[in-house]
Amino acid sequence: GAAGTLEASRTIVGPQCGLVIELYGT
């Protein structure tokens, strides 16, 4: 199985609606 990191903030300065998904494969 894959491994990964997940983060969220509602108080961050800069991003407004920065929902990002990055996938890395072989």
mmCIF file of all heavy atoms, coordinates in Angstrom:
data_MODEL
# 
_entry.id   MODEL 
# 
loop_
_atom_site.group_PDB 
_atom_site.id 
_atom_site.type_symbol 
_atom_site.label_atom_id 
_atom_site.label_alt_id 
_atom_site.label_comp_id 
_atom_site.label_asym_id 
_atom_site.label_entity_id 
_atom_site.label_seq_id 
_atom_site.pdbx_PDB_ins_code 
_atom_site.Cartn_x 
_atom_site.Cartn_y 
_atom_site.Cartn_z 
_atom_site.occupancy 
_atom_site.B_iso_or_equiv 
_atom_site.pdbx_formal_charge 
_atom_site.auth_seq_id 
_atom_site.auth_comp_id 
_atom_site.auth_asym_id 
_atom_site.auth_atom_id 
_atom_site.pdbx_PDB_model_num 
ATOM 1   N N   . GLY A 1 1  ? 0.811   -1.207 0.000   1.00 0.00 ? 1  GLY A N   1 
ATOM 2   C CA  . GLY A 1 1  ? 0.000   0.000  0.000   1.00 0.00 ? 1  GLY A CA  1 
ATOM 3   C C   . GLY A 1 1  ? 0.847   1.261  0.000   1.00 0.00 ? 1  GLY A C   1 
ATOM 4   O O   . GLY A 1 1  ? 2.018   1.251  0.391   1.00 0.00 ? 1  GLY A O   1 
ATOM 5   N N   . ALA A 1 2  ? 0.250   2.350  -0.425  1.00 0.00 ? 2  ALA A N   1 
ATOM 6   C CA  . ALA A 1 2  ? 0.935   3.644  -0.443  1.00 0.00 ? 2  ALA A CA  1 
ATOM 7   C C   . ALA A 1 2  ? 1.036   4.209  0.972   1.00 0.00 ? 2  ALA A C   1 
ATOM 8   O O   . ALA A 1 2  ? 0.347   3.760  1.899   1.00 0.00 ? 2  ALA A O   1 
ATOM 9   C CB  . ALA A 1 2  ? 0.182   4.620  -1.344  1.00 0.00 ? 2  ALA A CB  1 
ATOM 10  N N   . ALA A 1 3  ? 1.902   5.191  1.138   1.00 0.00 ? 3  ALA A N   1 
ATOM 11  C CA  . ALA A 1 3  ? 2.003   5.954  2.375   1.00 0.00 ? 3  ALA A CA  1 
ATOM 12  C C   . ALA A 1 3  ? 1.863   7.421  2.018   1.00 0.00 ? 3  ALA A C   1 
ATOM 13  O O   . ALA A 1 3  ? 2.043   7.815  0.856   1.00 0.00 ? 3  ALA A O   1 
ATOM 14  C CB  . ALA A 1 3  ? 3.338   5.698  3.067   1.00 0.00 ? 3  ALA A CB  1 
ATOM 15  N N   . GLY A 1 4  ? 1.523   8.246  3.018   1.00 0.00 ? 4  GLY A N   1 
ATOM 16  C CA  . GLY A 1 4  ? 1.357   9.650  2.675   1.00 0.00 ? 4  GLY A CA  1 
ATOM 17  C C   . GLY A 1 4  ? 1.189   10.560 3.861   1.00 0.00 ? 4  GLY A C   1 
ATOM 18  O O   . GLY A 1 4  ? 1.195   10.125 5.020   1.00 0.00 ? 4  GLY A O   1 
ATOM 19  N N   . THR A 1 5  ? 1.044   11.853 3.544   1.00 0.00 ? 5  THR A N   1 
ATOM 20  C CA  . THR A 1 5  ? 0.821   12.880 4.555   1.00 0.00 ? 5  THR A CA  1 
ATOM 21  C C   . THR A 1 5  ? -0.462  13.636 4.234   1.00 0.00 ? 5  THR A C   1 
ATOM 22  O O   . THR A 1 5  ? -0.799  13.856 3.061   1.00 0.00 ? 5  THR A O   1 
ATOM 23  C CB  . THR A 1 5  ? 1.984   13.882 4.615   1.00 0.00 ? 5  THR A CB  1 
ATOM 24  O OG1 . THR A 1 5  ? 2.096   14.561 3.359   1.00 0.00 ? 5  THR A OG1 1 
ATOM 25  C CG2 . THR A 1 5  ? 3.294   13.176 4.929   1.00 0.00 ? 5  THR A CG2 1 
ATOM 26  N N   . LEU A 1 6  ? -1.182  14.017 5.288   1.00 0.00 ? 6  LEU A N   1 
ATOM 27  C CA  . LEU A 1 6  ? -2.420  14.778 5.170   1.00 0.00 ? 6  LEU A CA  1 
ATOM 28  C C   . LEU A 1 6  ? -2.325  15.970 6.115   1.00 0.00 ? 6  LEU A C   1 
ATOM 29  O O   . LEU A 1 6  ? -1.918  15.819 7.266   1.00 0.00 ? 6  LEU A O   1 
ATOM 30  C CB  . LEU A 1 6  ? -3.623  13.910 5.555   1.00 0.00 ? 6  LEU A CB  1 
ATOM 31  C CG  . LEU A 1 6  ? -3.767  12.544 4.887   1.00 0.00 ? 6  LEU A CG  1 
ATOM 32  C CD1 . LEU A 1 6  ? -4.878  11.745 5.571   1.00 0.00 ? 6  LEU A CD1 1 
ATOM 33  C CD2 . LEU A 1 6  ? -4.062  12.698 3.411   1.00 0.00 ? 6  LEU A CD2 1 
ATOM 34  N N   . GLU A 1 7  ? -2.720  17.159 5.637   1.00 0.00 ? 7  GLU A N   1 
ATOM 35  C CA  . GLU A 1 7  ? -2.686  18.359 6.467   1.00 0.00 ? 7  GLU A CA  1 
ATOM 36  C C   . GLU A 1 7  ? -3.912  19.214 6.201   1.00 0.00 ? 7  GLU A C   1 
ATOM 37  O O   . GLU A 1 7  ? -4.419  19.248 5.073   1.00 0.00 ? 7  GLU A O   1 
ATOM 38  C CB  . GLU A 1 7  ? -1.462  19.224 6.140   1.00 0.00 ? 7  GLU A CB  1 
ATOM 39  C CG  . GLU A 1 7  ? -0.214  18.966 6.917   1.00 0.00 ? 7  GLU A CG  1 
ATOM 40  C CD  . GLU A 1 7  ? 0.836   20.032 6.599   1.00 0.00 ? 7  GLU A CD  1 
ATOM 41  O OE1 . GLU A 1 7  ? 1.402   19.992 5.487   1.00 0.00 ? 7  GLU A OE1 1 
ATOM 42  O OE2 . GLU A 1 7  ? 1.089   20.893 7.462   1.00 0.00 ? 7  GLU A OE2 1 
ATOM 43  N N   . ALA A 1 8  ? -4.358  19.934 7.224   1.00 0.00 ? 8  ALA A N   1 
ATOM 44  C CA  . ALA A 1 8  ? -5.440  20.906 7.038   1.00 0.00 ? 8  ALA A CA  1 
ATOM 45  C C   . ALA A 1 8  ? -5.286  22.033 8.045   1.00 0.00 ? 8  ALA A C   1 
ATOM 46  O O   . ALA A 1 8  ? -4.848  21.817 9.180   1.00 0.00 ? 8  ALA A O   1 
ATOM 47  C CB  . ALA A 1 8  ? -6.811  20.256 7.194   1.00 0.00 ? 8  ALA A CB  1 
ATOM 48  N N   . SER A 1 9  ? -5.640  23.229 7.610   1.00 0.00 ? 9  SER A N   1 
ATOM 49  C CA  . SER A 1 9  ? -5.663  24.391 8.488   1.00 0.00 ? 9  SER A CA  1 
ATOM 50  C C   . SER A 1 9  ? -6.788  25.313 8.060   1.00 0.00 ? 9  SER A C   1 
ATOM 51  O O   . SER A 1 9  ? -7.025  25.491 6.866   1.00 0.00 ? 9  SER A O   1 
ATOM 52  C CB  . SER A 1 9  ? -4.336  25.155 8.420   1.00 0.00 ? 9  SER A CB  1 
ATOM 53  O OG  . SER A 1 9  ? -4.426  26.362 9.166   1.00 0.00 ? 9  SER A OG  1 
ATOM 54  N N   . ARG A 1 10 ? -7.485  25.892 9.061   1.00 0.00 ? 10 ARG A N   1 
ATOM 55  C CA  . ARG A 1 10 ? -8.499  26.907 8.765   1.00 0.00 ? 10 ARG A CA  1 
ATOM 56  C C   . ARG A 1 10 ? -8.010  28.295 9.122   1.00 0.00 ? 10 ARG A C   1 
ATOM 57  O O   . ARG A 1 10 ? -8.724  29.282 8.920   1.00 0.00 ? 10 ARG A O   1 
ATOM 58  C CB  . ARG A 1 10 ? -9.792  26.578 9.520   1.00 0.00 ? 10 ARG A CB  1 
ATOM 59  C CG  . ARG A 1 10 ? -9.672  26.612 11.036  1.00 0.00 ? 10 ARG A CG  1 
ATOM 60  C CD  . ARG A 1 10 ? -10.915 26.077 11.718  1.00 0.00 ? 10 ARG A CD  1 
ATOM 61  N NE  . ARG A 1 10 ? -10.789 26.106 13.179  1.00 0.00 ? 10 ARG A NE  1 
ATOM 62  C CZ  . ARG A 1 10 ? -11.655 25.545 14.028  1.00 0.00 ? 10 ARG A CZ  1 
ATOM 63  N NH1 . ARG A 1 10 ? -12.709 24.901 13.548  1.00 0.00 ? 10 ARG A NH1 1 
ATOM 64  N NH2 . ARG A 1 10 ? -11.481 25.613 15.326  1.00 0.00 ? 10 ARG A NH2 1 
ATOM 65  N N   . THR A 1 11 ? -6.790  28.400 9.673   1.00 0.00 ? 11 THR A N   1 
ATOM 66  C CA  . THR A 1 11 ? -6.258  29.693 10.136  1.00 0.00 ? 11 THR A CA  1 
ATOM 67  C C   . THR A 1 11 ? -5.039  30.131 9.350   1.00 0.00 ? 11 THR A C   1 
ATOM 68  O O   . THR A 1 11 ? -4.399  31.125 9.691   1.00 0.00 ? 11 THR A O   1 
ATOM 69  C CB  . THR A 1 11 ? -5.879  29.608 11.632  1.00 0.00 ? 11 THR A CB  1 
ATOM 70  O OG1 . THR A 1 11 ? -4.973  28.521 11.826  1.00 0.00 ? 11 THR A OG1 1 
ATOM 71  C CG2 . THR A 1 11 ? -7.114  29.401 12.489  1.00 0.00 ? 11 THR A CG2 1 
ATOM 72  N N   . ILE A 1 12 ? -4.709  29.433 8.290   1.00 0.00 ? 12 ILE A N   1 
ATOM 73  C CA  . ILE A 1 12 ? -3.495  29.731 7.536   1.00 0.00 ? 12 ILE A CA  1 
ATOM 74  C C   . ILE A 1 12 ? -3.665  31.030 6.745   1.00 0.00 ? 12 ILE A C   1 
ATOM 75  O O   . ILE A 1 12 ? -4.769  31.374 6.305   1.00 0.00 ? 12 ILE A O   1 
ATOM 76  C CB  . ILE A 1 12 ? -3.152  28.549 6.606   1.00 0.00 ? 12 ILE A CB  1 
ATOM 77  C CG1 . ILE A 1 12 ? -1.677  28.557 6.238   1.00 0.00 ? 12 ILE A CG1 1 
ATOM 78  C CG2 . ILE A 1 12 ? -4.045  28.545 5.372   1.00 0.00 ? 12 ILE A CG2 1 
ATOM 79  C CD1 . ILE A 1 12 ? -1.168  27.223 5.742   1.00 0.00 ? 12 ILE A CD1 1 
ATOM 80  N N   . VAL A 1 13 ? -2.588  31.770 6.584   1.00 0.00 ? 13 VAL A N   1 
ATOM 81  C CA  . VAL A 1 13 ? -2.591  33.010 5.804   1.00 0.00 ? 13 VAL A CA  1 
ATOM 82  C C   . VAL A 1 13 ? -1.955  32.716 4.445   1.00 0.00 ? 13 VAL A C   1 
ATOM 83  O O   . VAL A 1 13 ? -0.844  32.190 4.371   1.00 0.00 ? 13 VAL A O   1 
ATOM 84  C CB  . VAL A 1 13 ? -1.816  34.122 6.525   1.00 0.00 ? 13 VAL A CB  1 
ATOM 85  C CG1 . VAL A 1 13 ? -1.728  35.373 5.647   1.00 0.00 ? 13 VAL A CG1 1 
ATOM 86  C CG2 . VAL A 1 13 ? -2.476  34.452 7.855   1.00 0.00 ? 13 VAL A CG2 1 
ATOM 87  N N   . GLY A 1 14 ? -2.652  33.038 3.396   1.00 0.00 ? 14 GLY A N   1 
ATOM 88  C CA  . GLY A 1 14 ? -2.150  32.786 2.047   1.00 0.00 ? 14 GLY A CA  1 
ATOM 89  C C   . GLY A 1 14 ? -3.161  32.002 1.237   1.00 0.00 ? 14 GLY A C   1 
ATOM 90  O O   . GLY A 1 14 ? -3.949  32.573 0.482   1.00 0.00 ? 14 GLY A O   1 
ATOM 91  N N   . PRO A 1 15 ? -3.185  30.664 1.372   1.00 0.00 ? 15 PRO A N   1 
ATOM 92  C CA  . PRO A 1 15 ? -4.181  29.886 0.644   1.00 0.00 ? 15 PRO A CA  1 
ATOM 93  C C   . PRO A 1 15 ? -5.601  30.274 1.063   1.00 0.00 ? 15 PRO A C   1 
ATOM 94  O O   . PRO A 1 15 ? -5.849  30.575 2.231   1.00 0.00 ? 15 PRO A O   1 
ATOM 95  C CB  . PRO A 1 15 ? -3.865  28.446 1.054   1.00 0.00 ? 15 PRO A CB  1 
ATOM 96  C CG  . PRO A 1 15 ? -2.445  28.471 1.502   1.00 0.00 ? 15 PRO A CG  1 
ATOM 97  C CD  . PRO A 1 15 ? -2.246  29.819 2.132   1.00 0.00 ? 15 PRO A CD  1 
ATOM 98  N N   . GLN A 1 16 ? -6.510  30.267 0.116   1.00 0.00 ? 16 GLN A N   1 
ATOM 99  C CA  . GLN A 1 16 ? -7.898  30.606 0.403   1.00 0.00 ? 16 GLN A CA  1 
ATOM 100 C C   . GLN A 1 16 ? -8.797  29.365 0.413   1.00 0.00 ? 16 GLN A C   1 
ATOM 101 O O   . GLN A 1 16 ? -9.631  29.205 1.289   1.00 0.00 ? 16 GLN A O   1 
ATOM 102 C CB  . GLN A 1 16 ? -8.420  31.617 -0.626  1.00 0.00 ? 16 GLN A CB  1 
ATOM 103 C CG  . GLN A 1 16 ? -7.633  32.915 -0.638  1.00 0.00 ? 16 GLN A CG  1 
ATOM 104 C CD  . GLN A 1 16 ? -7.661  33.609 0.714   1.00 0.00 ? 16 GLN A CD  1 
ATOM 105 O OE1 . GLN A 1 16 ? -8.731  33.948 1.224   1.00 0.00 ? 16 GLN A OE1 1 
ATOM 106 N NE2 . GLN A 1 16 ? -6.491  33.834 1.296   1.00 0.00 ? 16 GLN A NE2 1 
ATOM 107 N N   . CYS A 1 17 ? -8.608  28.513 -0.580  1.00 0.00 ? 17 CYS A N   1 
ATOM 108 C CA  . CYS A 1 17 ? -9.342  27.241 -0.626  1.00 0.00 ? 17 CYS A CA  1 
ATOM 109 C C   . CYS A 1 17 ? -8.406  26.224 -1.266  1.00 0.00 ? 17 CYS A C   1 
ATOM 110 O O   . CYS A 1 17 ? -8.696  25.650 -2.313  1.00 0.00 ? 17 CYS A O   1 
ATOM 111 C CB  . CYS A 1 17 ? -10.639 27.389 -1.410  1.00 0.00 ? 17 CYS A CB  1 
ATOM 112 S SG  . CYS A 1 17 ? -11.803 26.027 -1.160  1.00 0.00 ? 17 CYS A SG  1 
ATOM 113 N N   . GLY A 1 18 ? -7.264  26.022 -0.621  1.00 0.00 ? 18 GLY A N   1 
ATOM 114 C CA  . GLY A 1 18 ? -6.179  25.231 -1.183  1.00 0.00 ? 18 GLY A CA  1 
ATOM 115 C C   . GLY A 1 18 ? -6.298  23.749 -0.898  1.00 0.00 ? 18 GLY A C   1 
ATOM 116 O O   . GLY A 1 18 ? -5.530  23.206 -0.091  1.00 0.00 ? 18 GLY A O   1 
ATOM 117 N N   . LEU A 1 19 ? -7.238  23.107 -1.552  1.00 0.00 ? 19 LEU A N   1 
ATOM 118 C CA  . LEU A 1 19 ? -7.368  21.657 -1.467  1.00 0.00 ? 19 LEU A CA  1 
ATOM 119 C C   . LEU A 1 19 ? -6.491  21.055 -2.550  1.00 0.00 ? 19 LEU A C   1 
ATOM 120 O O   . LEU A 1 19 ? -6.750  21.242 -3.744  1.00 0.00 ? 19 LEU A O   1 
ATOM 121 C CB  . LEU A 1 19 ? -8.825  21.236 -1.651  1.00 0.00 ? 19 LEU A CB  1 
ATOM 122 C CG  . LEU A 1 19 ? -9.102  19.727 -1.711  1.00 0.00 ? 19 LEU A CG  1 
ATOM 123 C CD1 . LEU A 1 19 ? -8.621  19.013 -0.458  1.00 0.00 ? 19 LEU A CD1 1 
ATOM 124 C CD2 . LEU A 1 19 ? -10.586 19.469 -1.936  1.00 0.00 ? 19 LEU A CD2 1 
ATOM 125 N N   . VAL A 1 20 ? -5.458  20.342 -2.135  1.00 0.00 ? 20 VAL A N   1 
ATOM 126 C CA  . VAL A 1 20 ? -4.448  19.829 -3.067  1.00 0.00 ? 20 VAL A CA  1 
ATOM 127 C C   . VAL A 1 20 ? -4.283  18.334 -2.857  1.00 0.00 ? 20 VAL A C   1 
ATOM 128 O O   . VAL A 1 20 ? -4.222  17.860 -1.722  1.00 0.00 ? 20 VAL A O   1 
ATOM 129 C CB  . VAL A 1 20 ? -3.086  20.525 -2.843  1.00 0.00 ? 20 VAL A CB  1 
ATOM 130 C CG1 . VAL A 1 20 ? -2.034  19.980 -3.815  1.00 0.00 ? 20 VAL A CG1 1 
ATOM 131 C CG2 . VAL A 1 20 ? -3.216  22.035 -2.985  1.00 0.00 ? 20 VAL A CG2 1 
ATOM 132 N N   . ILE A 1 21 ? -4.184  17.594 -3.951  1.00 0.00 ? 21 ILE A N   1 
ATOM 133 C CA  . ILE A 1 21 ? -3.844  16.175 -3.896  1.00 0.00 ? 21 ILE A CA  1 
ATOM 134 C C   . ILE A 1 21 ? -2.679  15.936 -4.839  1.00 0.00 ? 21 ILE A C   1 
ATOM 135 O O   . ILE A 1 21 ? -2.702  16.368 -5.991  1.00 0.00 ? 21 ILE A O   1 
ATOM 136 C CB  . ILE A 1 21 ? -5.055  15.276 -4.238  1.00 0.00 ? 21 ILE A CB  1 
ATOM 137 C CG1 . ILE A 1 21 ? -4.655  13.799 -4.217  1.00 0.00 ? 21 ILE A CG1 1 
ATOM 138 C CG2 . ILE A 1 21 ? -5.685  15.660 -5.556  1.00 0.00 ? 21 ILE A CG2 1 
ATOM 139 C CD1 . ILE A 1 21 ? -5.821  12.835 -4.367  1.00 0.00 ? 21 ILE A CD1 1 
ATOM 140 N N   . GLU A 1 22 ? -1.630  15.298 -4.322  1.00 0.00 ? 22 GLU A N   1 
ATOM 141 C CA  . GLU A 1 22 ? -0.456  14.942 -5.113  1.00 0.00 ? 22 GLU A CA  1 
ATOM 142 C C   . GLU A 1 22 ? -0.266  13.434 -5.033  1.00 0.00 ? 22 GLU A C   1 
ATOM 143 O O   . GLU A 1 22 ? -0.240  12.858 -3.945  1.00 0.00 ? 22 GLU A O   1 
ATOM 144 C CB  . GLU A 1 22 ? 0.798   15.635 -4.585  1.00 0.00 ? 22 GLU A CB  1 
ATOM 145 C CG  . GLU A 1 22 ? 0.737   17.147 -4.637  1.00 0.00 ? 22 GLU A CG  1 
ATOM 146 C CD  . GLU A 1 22 ? 1.973   17.785 -4.002  1.00 0.00 ? 22 GLU A CD  1 
ATOM 147 O OE1 . GLU A 1 22 ? 2.898   17.044 -3.598  1.00 0.00 ? 22 GLU A OE1 1 
ATOM 148 O OE2 . GLU A 1 22 ? 2.014   19.027 -3.913  1.00 0.00 ? 22 GLU A OE2 1 
ATOM 149 N N   . LEU A 1 23 ? -0.114  12.791 -6.183  1.00 0.00 ? 23 LEU A N   1 
ATOM 150 C CA  . LEU A 1 23 ? 0.089   11.352 -6.250  1.00 0.00 ? 23 LEU A CA  1 
ATOM 151 C C   . LEU A 1 23 ? 1.412   11.057 -6.940  1.00 0.00 ? 23 LEU A C   1 
ATOM 152 O O   . LEU A 1 23 ? 1.725   11.656 -7.978  1.00 0.00 ? 23 LEU A O   1 
ATOM 153 C CB  . LEU A 1 23 ? -1.029  10.673 -7.042  1.00 0.00 ? 23 LEU A CB  1 
ATOM 154 C CG  . LEU A 1 23 ? -2.471  10.918 -6.590  1.00 0.00 ? 23 LEU A CG  1 
ATOM 155 C CD1 . LEU A 1 23 ? -3.431  10.138 -7.474  1.00 0.00 ? 23 LEU A CD1 1 
ATOM 156 C CD2 . LEU A 1 23 ? -2.656  10.539 -5.131  1.00 0.00 ? 23 LEU A CD2 1 
ATOM 157 N N   . TYR A 1 24 ? 2.170   10.131 -6.387  1.00 0.00 ? 24 TYR A N   1 
ATOM 158 C CA  . TYR A 1 24 ? 3.454   9.739  -6.952  1.00 0.00 ? 24 TYR A CA  1 
ATOM 159 C C   . TYR A 1 24 ? 3.478   8.224  -7.101  1.00 0.00 ? 24 TYR A C   1 
ATOM 160 O O   . TYR A 1 24 ? 3.236   7.496  -6.134  1.00 0.00 ? 24 TYR A O   1 
ATOM 161 C CB  . TYR A 1 24 ? 4.604   10.214 -6.058  1.00 0.00 ? 24 TYR A CB  1 
ATOM 162 C CG  . TYR A 1 24 ? 4.599   11.715 -5.881  1.00 0.00 ? 24 TYR A CG  1 
ATOM 163 C CD1 . TYR A 1 24 ? 3.947   12.295 -4.797  1.00 0.00 ? 24 TYR A CD1 1 
ATOM 164 C CD2 . TYR A 1 24 ? 5.195   12.552 -6.819  1.00 0.00 ? 24 TYR A CD2 1 
ATOM 165 C CE1 . TYR A 1 24 ? 3.907   13.684 -4.641  1.00 0.00 ? 24 TYR A CE1 1 
ATOM 166 C CE2 . TYR A 1 24 ? 5.160   13.934 -6.679  1.00 0.00 ? 24 TYR A CE2 1 
ATOM 167 C CZ  . TYR A 1 24 ? 4.507   14.489 -5.587  1.00 0.00 ? 24 TYR A CZ  1 
ATOM 168 O OH  . TYR A 1 24 ? 4.461   15.865 -5.447  1.00 0.00 ? 24 TYR A OH  1 
ATOM 169 N N   . GLY A 1 25 ? 3.743   7.774  -8.337  1.00 0.00 ? 25 GLY A N   1 
ATOM 170 C CA  . GLY A 1 25 ? 3.741   6.355  -8.620  1.00 0.00 ? 25 GLY A CA  1 
ATOM 171 C C   . GLY A 1 25 ? 5.053   5.901  -9.225  1.00 0.00 ? 25 GLY A C   1 
ATOM 172 O O   . GLY A 1 25 ? 5.954   6.709  -9.511  1.00 0.00 ? 25 GLY A O   1 
ATOM 173 N N   . THR A 1 26 ? 5.164   4.606  -9.478  1.00 0.00 ? 26 THR A N   1 
ATOM 174 C CA  . THR A 1 26 ? 6.393   4.052  -10.038 1.00 0.00 ? 26 THR A CA  1 
ATOM 175 C C   . THR A 1 26 ? 6.601   4.443  -11.492 1.00 0.00 ? 26 THR A C   1 
ATOM 176 O O   . THR A 1 26 ? 7.726   4.378  -12.001 1.00 0.00 ? 26 THR A O   1 
ATOM 177 C CB  . THR A 1 26 ? 6.368   2.517  -9.933  1.00 0.00 ? 26 THR A CB  1 
ATOM 178 O OG1 . THR A 1 26 ? 5.166   2.019  -10.555 1.00 0.00 ? 26 THR A OG1 1 
ATOM 179 C CG2 . THR A 1 26 ? 6.404   2.069  -8.475  1.00 0.00 ? 26 THR A CG2 1 
# 
